[in-house]
Amino acid sequence: MDKQPNPRGFWSLRWYGSLPLSQLFWRDMLGLGTLLNLVFLFFTLMLYAQRADPLLAMAVHWAVLPLNLFLVASVWRHHQAHSGFKAAAALWLGVTFLA
């Protein structure tokens, strides 16, 4: 039973490469991913400014990491991704990891 998956949801469309690479890379990873990283960074800085527990602030900051890893892995798995896209995705992940 070698059945091809029929992705329809947010996660499976990206994981199985059913979304165009340009949409996955530019809109989802660079656009949505960066926006979410900035929002979570803002909330982290607000928690620090209010002298909240540092562990809570770090948990909020790192909460978006699984999405970042998923988006980068989806770009890497995409059948049209060449080394330029893969390198840019890895660089983006490095920058978001350090921020």
PDB file of N, CA and C in Angstrom:
ATOM      1  N   MET A   1       0.829  -1.190   0.000  1.00  0.00           N
ATOM      2  CA  MET A   1       0.000   0.000   0.000  1.00  0.00           C
ATOM      3  C   MET A   1       0.871   1.251   0.000  1.00  0.00           C
ATOM      4  N   ASP A   2       1.384   1.602  -1.158  1.00  0.00           N
ATOM      5  CA  ASP A   2       2.184   2.812  -1.293  1.00  0.00           C
ATOM      6  C   ASP A   2       1.293   3.966  -1.702  1.00  0.00           C
ATOM      7  N   LYS A   3       0.607   4.506  -0.732  1.00  0.00           N
ATOM      8  CA  LYS A   3      -0.329   5.580  -0.998  1.00  0.00           C
ATOM      9  C   LYS A   3       0.333   6.922  -0.729  1.00  0.00           C
ATOM     10  N   GLN A   4       0.218   7.836  -1.680  1.00  0.00           N
ATOM     11  CA  GLN A   4       0.738   9.173  -1.501  1.00  0.00           C
ATOM     12  C   GLN A   4      -0.135   9.931  -0.510  1.00  0.00           C
ATOM     13  N   PRO A   5       0.468  10.679   0.420  1.00  0.00           N
ATOM     14  CA  PRO A   5      -0.345  11.470   1.343  1.00  0.00           C
ATOM     15  C   PRO A   5      -1.081  12.572   0.588  1.00  0.00           C
ATOM     16  N   ASN A   6      -2.260  12.876   1.051  1.00  0.00           N
ATOM     17  CA  ASN A   6      -3.065  13.940   0.472  1.00  0.00           C
ATOM     18  C   ASN A   6      -3.155  15.060   1.505  1.00  0.00           C
ATOM     19  N   PRO A   7      -2.103  15.900   1.570  1.00  0.00           N
ATOM     20  CA  PRO A   7      -2.078  16.925   2.610  1.00  0.00           C
ATOM     21  C   PRO A   7      -3.112  18.015   2.378  1.00  0.00           C
ATOM     22  N   ARG A   8      -3.764  18.385   3.459  1.00  0.00           N
ATOM     23  CA  ARG A   8      -4.760  19.451   3.387  1.00  0.00           C
ATOM     24  C   ARG A   8      -4.597  20.468   4.503  1.00  0.00           C
ATOM     25  N   GLY A   9      -3.948  20.100   5.575  1.00  0.00           N
ATOM     26  CA  GLY A   9      -3.821  21.000   6.704  1.00  0.00           C
ATOM     27  C   GLY A   9      -2.571  21.862   6.625  1.00  0.00           C
ATOM     28  N   PHE A  10      -2.498  22.824   7.525  1.00  0.00           N
ATOM     29  CA  PHE A  10      -1.359  23.749   7.570  1.00  0.00           C
ATOM     30  C   PHE A  10      -0.041  22.992   7.643  1.00  0.00           C
ATOM     31  N   TRP A  11       0.068  22.057   8.568  1.00  0.00           N
ATOM     32  CA  TRP A  11       1.331  21.357   8.809  1.00  0.00           C
ATOM     33  C   TRP A  11       1.684  20.423   7.667  1.00  0.00           C
ATOM     34  N   SER A  12       0.731  19.640   7.221  1.00  0.00           N
ATOM     35  CA  SER A  12       1.039  18.644   6.193  1.00  0.00           C
ATOM     36  C   SER A  12       1.307  19.266   4.830  1.00  0.00           C
ATOM     37  N   LEU A  13       0.648  20.372   4.501  1.00  0.00           N
ATOM     38  CA  LEU A  13       0.935  21.054   3.235  1.00  0.00           C
ATOM     39  C   LEU A  13       2.403  21.470   3.160  1.00  0.00           C
ATOM     40  N   ARG A  14       2.926  21.937   4.255  1.00  0.00           N
ATOM     41  CA  ARG A  14       4.314  22.377   4.283  1.00  0.00           C
ATOM     42  C   ARG A  14       5.280  21.200   4.365  1.00  0.00           C
ATOM     43  N   TRP A  15       4.947  20.219   5.183  1.00  0.00           N
ATOM     44  CA  TRP A  15       5.851  19.093   5.403  1.00  0.00           C
ATOM     45  C   TRP A  15       6.036  18.247   4.151  1.00  0.00           C
ATOM     46  N   TYR A  16       4.968  18.034   3.392  1.00  0.00           N
ATOM     47  CA  TYR A  16       5.042  17.192   2.201  1.00  0.00           C
ATOM     48  C   TYR A  16       5.380  17.976   0.935  1.00  0.00           C
ATOM     49  N   GLY A  17       5.645  19.263   1.049  1.00  0.00           N
ATOM     50  CA  GLY A  17       6.053  20.055  -0.104  1.00  0.00           C
ATOM     51  C   GLY A  17       4.935  20.341  -1.087  1.00  0.00           C
ATOM     52  N   SER A  18       3.705  20.348  -0.630  1.00  0.00           N
ATOM     53  CA  SER A  18       2.575  20.616  -1.516  1.00  0.00           C
ATOM     54  C   SER A  18       2.348  22.102  -1.737  1.00  0.00           C
ATOM     55  N   LEU A  19       2.977  22.920  -0.954  1.00  0.00           N
ATOM     56  CA  LEU A  19       2.893  24.368  -1.094  1.00  0.00           C
ATOM     57  C   LEU A  19       4.026  24.820  -2.020  1.00  0.00           C
ATOM     58  N   PRO A  20       3.818  25.840  -2.834  1.00  0.00           N
ATOM     59  CA  PRO A  20       4.928  26.350  -3.646  1.00  0.00           C
ATOM     60  C   PRO A  20       6.079  26.800  -2.743  1.00  0.00           C
ATOM     61  N   LEU A  21       7.297  26.533  -3.182  1.00  0.00           N
ATOM     62  CA  LEU A  21       8.471  26.872  -2.387  1.00  0.00           C
ATOM     63  C   LEU A  21       8.536  28.364  -2.080  1.00  0.00           C
ATOM     64  N   SER A  22       8.187  29.193  -3.047  1.00  0.00           N
ATOM     65  CA  SER A  22       8.246  30.644  -2.813  1.00  0.00           C
ATOM     66  C   SER A  22       7.301  31.064  -1.695  1.00  0.00           C
ATOM     67  N   GLN A  23       6.130  30.456  -1.659  1.00  0.00           N
ATOM     68  CA  GLN A  23       5.172  30.775  -0.593  1.00  0.00           C
ATOM     69  C   GLN A  23       5.681  30.279   0.752  1.00  0.00           C
ATOM     70  N   LEU A  24       6.206  29.080   0.790  1.00  0.00           N
ATOM     71  CA  LEU A  24       6.742  28.519   2.030  1.00  0.00           C
ATOM     72  C   LEU A  24       7.909  29.341   2.548  1.00  0.00           C
ATOM     73  N   PHE A  25       8.817  29.699   1.655  1.00  0.00           N
ATOM     74  CA  PHE A  25      10.026  30.414   2.070  1.00  0.00           C
ATOM     75  C   PHE A  25       9.738  31.871   2.412  1.00  0.00           C
ATOM     76  N   TRP A  26       9.160  32.601   1.477  1.00  0.00           N
ATOM     77  CA  TRP A  26       8.998  34.045   1.656  1.00  0.00           C
ATOM     78  C   TRP A  26       7.859  34.402   2.606  1.00  0.00           C
ATOM     79  N   ARG A  27       6.697  33.817   2.398  1.00  0.00           N
ATOM     80  CA  ARG A  27       5.552  34.206   3.217  1.00  0.00           C
ATOM     81  C   ARG A  27       5.574  33.546   4.586  1.00  0.00           C
ATOM     82  N   ASP A  28       5.728  32.224   4.592  1.00  0.00           N
ATOM     83  CA  ASP A  28       5.614  31.495   5.855  1.00  0.00           C
ATOM     84  C   ASP A  28       6.847  31.646   6.730  1.00  0.00           C
ATOM     85  N   MET A  29       8.015  31.333   6.161  1.00  0.00           N
ATOM     86  CA  MET A  29       9.213  31.346   6.991  1.00  0.00           C
ATOM     87  C   MET A  29       9.695  32.774   7.274  1.00  0.00           C
ATOM     88  N   LEU A  30       9.985  33.522   6.217  1.00  0.00           N
ATOM     89  CA  LEU A  30      10.519  34.882   6.443  1.00  0.00           C
ATOM     90  C   LEU A  30       9.454  35.855   6.949  1.00  0.00           C
ATOM     91  N   GLY A  31       8.249  35.795   6.417  1.00  0.00           N
ATOM     92  CA  GLY A  31       7.201  36.719   6.838  1.00  0.00           C
ATOM     93  C   GLY A  31       6.574  36.356   8.163  1.00  0.00           C
ATOM     94  N   LEU A  32       5.825  35.259   8.169  1.00  0.00           N
ATOM     95  CA  LEU A  32       5.107  34.831   9.371  1.00  0.00           C
ATOM     96  C   LEU A  32       6.068  34.451  10.501  1.00  0.00           C
ATOM     97  N   GLY A  33       7.108  33.695  10.154  1.00  0.00           N
ATOM     98  CA  GLY A  33       8.070  33.269  11.176  1.00  0.00           C
ATOM     99  C   GLY A  33       8.768  34.443  11.839  1.00  0.00           C
ATOM    100  N   THR A  34       9.222  35.399  11.039  1.00  0.00           N
ATOM    101  CA  THR A  34       9.899  36.570  11.590  1.00  0.00           C
ATOM    102  C   THR A  34       8.943  37.412  12.423  1.00  0.00           C
ATOM    103  N   LEU A  35       7.724  37.589  11.941  1.00  0.00           N
ATOM    104  CA  LEU A  35       6.732  38.357  12.694  1.00  0.00           C
ATOM    105  C   LEU A  35       6.455  37.710  14.055  1.00  0.00           C
ATOM    106  N   LEU A  36       6.258  36.398  14.073  1.00  0.00           N
ATOM    107  CA  LEU A  36       6.022  35.710  15.341  1.00  0.00           C
ATOM    108  C   LEU A  36       7.238  35.806  16.270  1.00  0.00           C
ATOM    109  N   ASN A  37       8.427  35.705  15.713  1.00  0.00           N
ATOM    110  CA  ASN A  37       9.631  35.855  16.532  1.00  0.00           C
ATOM    111  C   ASN A  37       9.697  37.241  17.174  1.00  0.00           C
ATOM    112  N   LEU A  38       9.341  38.261  16.410  1.00  0.00           N
ATOM    113  CA  LEU A  38       9.358  39.622  16.956  1.00  0.00           C
ATOM    114  C   LEU A  38       8.293  39.806  18.034  1.00  0.00           C
ATOM    115  N   VAL A  39       7.117  39.233  17.827  1.00  0.00           N
ATOM    116  CA  VAL A  39       6.056  39.331  18.832  1.00  0.00           C
ATOM    117  C   VAL A  39       6.486  38.644  20.128  1.00  0.00           C
ATOM    118  N   PHE A  40       7.036  37.440  20.010  1.00  0.00           N
ATOM    119  CA  PHE A  40       7.472  36.722  21.207  1.00  0.00           C
ATOM    120  C   PHE A  40       8.653  37.422  21.878  1.00  0.00           C
ATOM    121  N   LEU A  41       9.539  38.037  21.088  1.00  0.00           N
ATOM    122  CA  LEU A  41      10.634  38.811  21.662  1.00  0.00           C
ATOM    123  C   LEU A  41      10.092  40.011  22.430  1.00  0.00           C
ATOM    124  N   PHE A  42       9.083  40.675  21.889  1.00  0.00           N
ATOM    125  CA  PHE A  42       8.457  41.811  22.562  1.00  0.00           C
ATOM    126  C   PHE A  42       7.874  41.390  23.915  1.00  0.00           C
ATOM    127  N   PHE A  43       7.140  40.272  23.929  1.00  0.00           N
ATOM    128  CA  PHE A  43       6.566  39.803  25.195  1.00  0.00           C
ATOM    129  C   PHE A  43       7.655  39.385  26.179  1.00  0.00           C
ATOM    130  N   THR A  44       8.726  38.815  25.677  1.00  0.00           N
ATOM    131  CA  THR A  44       9.846  38.445  26.546  1.00  0.00           C
ATOM    132  C   THR A  44      10.457  39.685  27.186  1.00  0.00           C
ATOM    133  N   LEU A  45      10.679  40.719  26.391  1.00  0.00           N
ATOM    134  CA  LEU A  45      11.252  41.951  26.933  1.00  0.00           C
ATOM    135  C   LEU A  45      10.298  42.621  27.923  1.00  0.00           C
ATOM    136  N   MET A  46       8.994  42.523  27.663  1.00  0.00           N
ATOM    137  CA  MET A  46       8.031  43.070  28.619  1.00  0.00           C
ATOM    138  C   MET A  46       8.100  42.317  29.951  1.00  0.00           C
ATOM    139  N   LEU A  47       8.240  41.006  29.885  1.00  0.00           N
ATOM    140  CA  LEU A  47       8.353  40.221  31.115  1.00  0.00           C
ATOM    141  C   LEU A  47       9.617  40.590  31.887  1.00  0.00           C
ATOM    142  N   TYR A  48      10.714  40.761  31.171  1.00  0.00           N
ATOM    143  CA  TYR A  48      11.952  41.183  31.834  1.00  0.00           C
ATOM    144  C   TYR A  48      11.796  42.567  32.462  1.00  0.00           C
ATOM    145  N   ALA A  49      11.131  43.481  31.738  1.00  0.00           N
ATOM    146  CA  ALA A  49      10.946  44.839  32.252  1.00  0.00           C
ATOM    147  C   ALA A  49      10.076  44.846  33.504  1.00  0.00           C
ATOM    148  N   GLN A  50       9.155  43.893  33.608  1.00  0.00           N
ATOM    149  CA  GLN A  50       8.291  43.809  34.776  1.00  0.00           C
ATOM    150  C   GLN A  50       8.902  42.938  35.871  1.00  0.00           C
ATOM    151  N   ARG A  51      10.153  42.566  35.686  1.00  0.00           N
ATOM    152  CA  ARG A  51      10.893  41.746  36.646  1.00  0.00           C
ATOM    153  C   ARG A  51      10.192  40.413  36.940  1.00  0.00           C
ATOM    154  N   ALA A  52       9.653  39.822  35.889  1.00  0.00           N
ATOM    155  CA  ALA A  52       9.028  38.501  36.018  1.00  0.00           C
ATOM    156  C   ALA A  52      10.128  37.457  36.175  1.00  0.00           C
ATOM    157  N   ASP A  53       9.722  36.276  36.514  1.00  0.00           N
ATOM    158  CA  ASP A  53      10.660  35.177  36.661  1.00  0.00           C
ATOM    159  C   ASP A  53      11.429  34.986  35.341  1.00  0.00           C
ATOM    160  N   PRO A  54      12.750  34.986  35.374  1.00  0.00           N
ATOM    161  CA  PRO A  54      13.535  34.821  34.140  1.00  0.00           C
ATOM    162  C   PRO A  54      13.241  33.514  33.407  1.00  0.00           C
ATOM    163  N   LEU A  55      12.897  32.475  34.144  1.00  0.00           N
ATOM    164  CA  LEU A  55      12.557  31.211  33.479  1.00  0.00           C
ATOM    165  C   LEU A  55      11.279  31.340  32.658  1.00  0.00           C
ATOM    166  N   LEU A  56      10.328  32.091  33.167  1.00  0.00           N
ATOM    167  CA  LEU A  56       9.098  32.337  32.420  1.00  0.00           C
ATOM    168  C   LEU A  56       9.399  33.141  31.156  1.00  0.00           C
ATOM    169  N   ALA A  57      10.226  34.164  31.297  1.00  0.00           N
ATOM    170  CA  ALA A  57      10.583  34.986  30.145  1.00  0.00           C
ATOM    171  C   ALA A  57      11.297  34.158  29.078  1.00  0.00           C
ATOM    172  N   MET A  58      12.202  33.296  29.491  1.00  0.00           N
ATOM    173  CA  MET A  58      12.916  32.457  28.529  1.00  0.00           C
ATOM    174  C   MET A  58      11.971  31.433  27.897  1.00  0.00           C
ATOM    175  N   ALA A  59      11.034  30.915  28.659  1.00  0.00           N
ATOM    176  CA  ALA A  59      10.063  29.971  28.105  1.00  0.00           C
ATOM    177  C   ALA A  59       9.213  30.643  27.023  1.00  0.00           C
ATOM    178  N   VAL A  60       8.819  31.880  27.271  1.00  0.00           N
ATOM    179  CA  VAL A  60       8.055  32.616  26.267  1.00  0.00           C
ATOM    180  C   VAL A  60       8.919  32.856  25.031  1.00  0.00           C
ATOM    181  N   HIS A  61      10.162  33.226  25.249  1.00  0.00           N
ATOM    182  CA  HIS A  61      11.067  33.516  24.135  1.00  0.00           C
ATOM    183  C   HIS A  61      11.306  32.285  23.271  1.00  0.00           C
ATOM    184  N   TRP A  62      11.470  31.139  23.884  1.00  0.00           N
ATOM    185  CA  TRP A  62      11.789  29.916  23.133  1.00  0.00           C
ATOM    186  C   TRP A  62      10.544  29.156  22.675  1.00  0.00           C
ATOM    187  N   ALA A  63       9.366  29.617  23.020  1.00  0.00           N
ATOM    188  CA  ALA A  63       8.137  28.911  22.654  1.00  0.00           C
ATOM    189  C   ALA A  63       7.940  28.825  21.145  1.00  0.00           C
ATOM    190  N   VAL A  64       8.489  29.742  20.401  1.00  0.00           N
ATOM    191  CA  VAL A  64       8.311  29.761  18.948  1.00  0.00           C
ATOM    192  C   VAL A  64       9.371  28.911  18.231  1.00  0.00           C
ATOM    193  N   LEU A  65      10.350  28.405  18.952  1.00  0.00           N
ATOM    194  CA  LEU A  65      11.420  27.615  18.340  1.00  0.00           C
ATOM    195  C   LEU A  65      10.912  26.376  17.595  1.00  0.00           C
ATOM    196  N   PRO A  66       9.959  25.609  18.120  1.00  0.00           N
ATOM    197  CA  PRO A  66       9.480  24.451  17.345  1.00  0.00           C
ATOM    198  C   PRO A  66       8.908  24.836  15.970  1.00  0.00           C
ATOM    199  N   LEU A  67       8.202  25.958  15.896  1.00  0.00           N
ATOM    200  CA  LEU A  67       7.692  26.413  14.604  1.00  0.00           C
ATOM    201  C   LEU A  67       8.842  26.773  13.675  1.00  0.00           C
ATOM    202  N   ASN A  68       9.849  27.461  14.211  1.00  0.00           N
ATOM    203  CA  ASN A  68      11.011  27.821  13.398  1.00  0.00           C
ATOM    204  C   ASN A  68      11.694  26.574  12.837  1.00  0.00           C
ATOM    205  N   LEU A  69      11.893  25.590  13.687  1.00  0.00           N
ATOM    206  CA  LEU A  69      12.530  24.348  13.244  1.00  0.00           C
ATOM    207  C   LEU A  69      11.682  23.638  12.190  1.00  0.00           C
ATOM    208  N   PHE A  70      10.382  23.628  12.389  1.00  0.00           N
ATOM    209  CA  PHE A  70       9.477  23.000  11.426  1.00  0.00           C
ATOM    210  C   PHE A  70       9.551  23.692  10.067  1.00  0.00           C
ATOM    211  N   LEU A  71       9.521  25.024  10.057  1.00  0.00           N
ATOM    212  CA  LEU A  71       9.553  25.754   8.791  1.00  0.00           C
ATOM    213  C   LEU A  71      10.871  25.537   8.057  1.00  0.00           C
ATOM    214  N   VAL A  72      11.977  25.560   8.782  1.00  0.00           N
ATOM    215  CA  VAL A  72      13.276  25.326   8.145  1.00  0.00           C
ATOM    216  C   VAL A  72      13.354  23.897   7.610  1.00  0.00           C
ATOM    217  N   ALA A  73      12.902  22.932   8.391  1.00  0.00           N
ATOM    218  CA  ALA A  73      12.909  21.541   7.925  1.00  0.00           C
ATOM    219  C   ALA A  73      12.008  21.379   6.699  1.00  0.00           C
ATOM    220  N   SER A  74      10.893  22.073   6.661  1.00  0.00           N
ATOM    221  CA  SER A  74       9.996  21.994   5.506  1.00  0.00           C
ATOM    222  C   SER A  74      10.650  22.571   4.257  1.00  0.00           C
ATOM    223  N   VAL A  75      11.379  23.667   4.419  1.00  0.00           N
ATOM    224  CA  VAL A  75      12.107  24.231   3.277  1.00  0.00           C
ATOM    225  C   VAL A  75      13.170  23.236   2.810  1.00  0.00           C
ATOM    226  N   TRP A  76      13.895  22.663   3.740  1.00  0.00           N
ATOM    227  CA  TRP A  76      14.945  21.706   3.377  1.00  0.00           C
ATOM    228  C   TRP A  76      14.371  20.480   2.682  1.00  0.00           C
ATOM    229  N   ARG A  77      13.179  20.037   3.071  1.00  0.00           N
ATOM    230  CA  ARG A  77      12.563  18.835   2.491  1.00  0.00           C
ATOM    231  C   ARG A  77      11.906  19.102   1.141  1.00  0.00           C
ATOM    232  N   HIS A  78      11.638  20.353   0.831  1.00  0.00           N
ATOM    233  CA  HIS A  78      10.897  20.681  -0.388  1.00  0.00           C
ATOM    234  C   HIS A  78      11.675  20.211  -1.613  1.00  0.00           C
ATOM    235  N   HIS A  79      10.960  19.624  -2.559  1.00  0.00           N
ATOM    236  CA  HIS A  79      11.608  19.034  -3.732  1.00  0.00           C
ATOM    237  C   HIS A  79      12.243  20.074  -4.656  1.00  0.00           C
ATOM    238  N   GLN A  80      11.837  21.332  -4.580  1.00  0.00           N
ATOM    239  CA  GLN A  80      12.410  22.375  -5.424  1.00  0.00           C
ATOM    240  C   GLN A  80      13.512  23.175  -4.735  1.00  0.00           C
ATOM    241  N   ALA A  81      13.753  22.914  -3.472  1.00  0.00           N
ATOM    242  CA  ALA A  81      14.731  23.716  -2.722  1.00  0.00           C
ATOM    243  C   ALA A  81      16.146  23.360  -3.157  1.00  0.00           C
ATOM    244  N   HIS A  82      16.868  24.353  -3.606  1.00  0.00           N
ATOM    245  CA  HIS A  82      18.276  24.152  -3.936  1.00  0.00           C
ATOM    246  C   HIS A  82      19.128  24.691  -2.799  1.00  0.00           C
ATOM    247  N   SER A  83      20.418  24.637  -2.952  1.00  0.00           N
ATOM    248  CA  SER A  83      21.321  24.980  -1.847  1.00  0.00           C
ATOM    249  C   SER A  83      21.170  26.428  -1.383  1.00  0.00           C
ATOM    250  N   GLY A  84      20.776  27.336  -2.275  1.00  0.00           N
ATOM    251  CA  GLY A  84      20.583  28.727  -1.872  1.00  0.00           C
ATOM    252  C   GLY A  84      19.443  28.883  -0.880  1.00  0.00           C
ATOM    253  N   PHE A  85      18.320  28.242  -1.161  1.00  0.00           N
ATOM    254  CA  PHE A  85      17.186  28.283  -0.229  1.00  0.00           C
ATOM    255  C   PHE A  85      17.549  27.615   1.089  1.00  0.00           C
ATOM    256  N   LYS A  86      18.250  26.495   1.001  1.00  0.00           N
ATOM    257  CA  LYS A  86      18.613  25.772   2.220  1.00  0.00           C
ATOM    258  C   LYS A  86      19.573  26.589   3.075  1.00  0.00           C
ATOM    259  N   ALA A  87      20.534  27.235   2.437  1.00  0.00           N
ATOM    260  CA  ALA A  87      21.484  28.069   3.183  1.00  0.00           C
ATOM    261  C   ALA A  87      20.778  29.273   3.798  1.00  0.00           C
ATOM    262  N   ALA A  88      19.880  29.900   3.056  1.00  0.00           N
ATOM    263  CA  ALA A  88      19.144  31.055   3.580  1.00  0.00           C
ATOM    264  C   ALA A  88      18.255  30.644   4.754  1.00  0.00           C
ATOM    265  N   ALA A  89      17.645  29.467   4.655  1.00  0.00           N
ATOM    266  CA  ALA A  89      16.797  28.979   5.757  1.00  0.00           C
ATOM    267  C   ALA A  89      17.641  28.715   6.998  1.00  0.00           C
ATOM    268  N   ALA A  90      18.811  28.122   6.817  1.00  0.00           N
ATOM    269  CA  ALA A  90      19.702  27.864   7.957  1.00  0.00           C
ATOM    270  C   ALA A  90      20.198  29.172   8.564  1.00  0.00           C
ATOM    271  N   LEU A  91      20.514  30.148   7.732  1.00  0.00           N
ATOM    272  CA  LEU A  91      20.948  31.455   8.228  1.00  0.00           C
ATOM    273  C   LEU A  91      19.827  32.131   9.008  1.00  0.00           C
ATOM    274  N   TRP A  92      18.612  32.086   8.476  1.00  0.00           N
ATOM    275  CA  TRP A  92      17.468  32.666   9.171  1.00  0.00           C
ATOM    276  C   TRP A  92      17.276  32.015  10.528  1.00  0.00           C
ATOM    277  N   LEU A  93      17.390  30.684  10.577  1.00  0.00           N
ATOM    278  CA  LEU A  93      17.238  29.989  11.860  1.00  0.00           C
ATOM    279  C   LEU A  93      18.332  30.410  12.833  1.00  0.00           C
ATOM    280  N   GLY A  94      19.554  30.552  12.357  1.00  0.00           N
ATOM    281  CA  GLY A  94      20.644  31.013  13.214  1.00  0.00           C
ATOM    282  C   GLY A  94      20.398  32.404  13.770  1.00  0.00           C
ATOM    283  N   VAL A  95      19.913  33.291  12.926  1.00  0.00           N
ATOM    284  CA  VAL A  95      19.629  34.663  13.370  1.00  0.00           C
ATOM    285  C   VAL A  95      18.501  34.668  14.394  1.00  0.00           C
ATOM    286  N   THR A  96      17.445  33.893  14.148  1.00  0.00           N
ATOM    287  CA  THR A  96      16.339  33.858  15.102  1.00  0.00           C
ATOM    288  C   THR A  96      16.744  33.168  16.408  1.00  0.00           C
ATOM    289  N   PHE A  97      17.666  32.235  16.303  1.00  0.00           N
ATOM    290  CA  PHE A  97      18.154  31.546  17.506  1.00  0.00           C
ATOM    291  C   PHE A  97      18.954  32.493  18.389  1.00  0.00           C
ATOM    292  N   LEU A  98      19.715  33.398  17.763  1.00  0.00           N
ATOM    293  CA  LEU A  98      20.543  34.333  18.520  1.00  0.00           C
ATOM    294  C   LEU A  98      19.755  35.535  19.039  1.00  0.00           C
ATOM    295  N   ALA A  99      18.672  35.876  18.377  1.00  0.00           N
ATOM    296  CA  ALA A  99      17.912  37.084  18.765  1.00  0.00           C
ATOM    297  C   ALA A  99      17.142  36.877  20.041  1.00  0.00           C
TER     298      ALA A  99
END
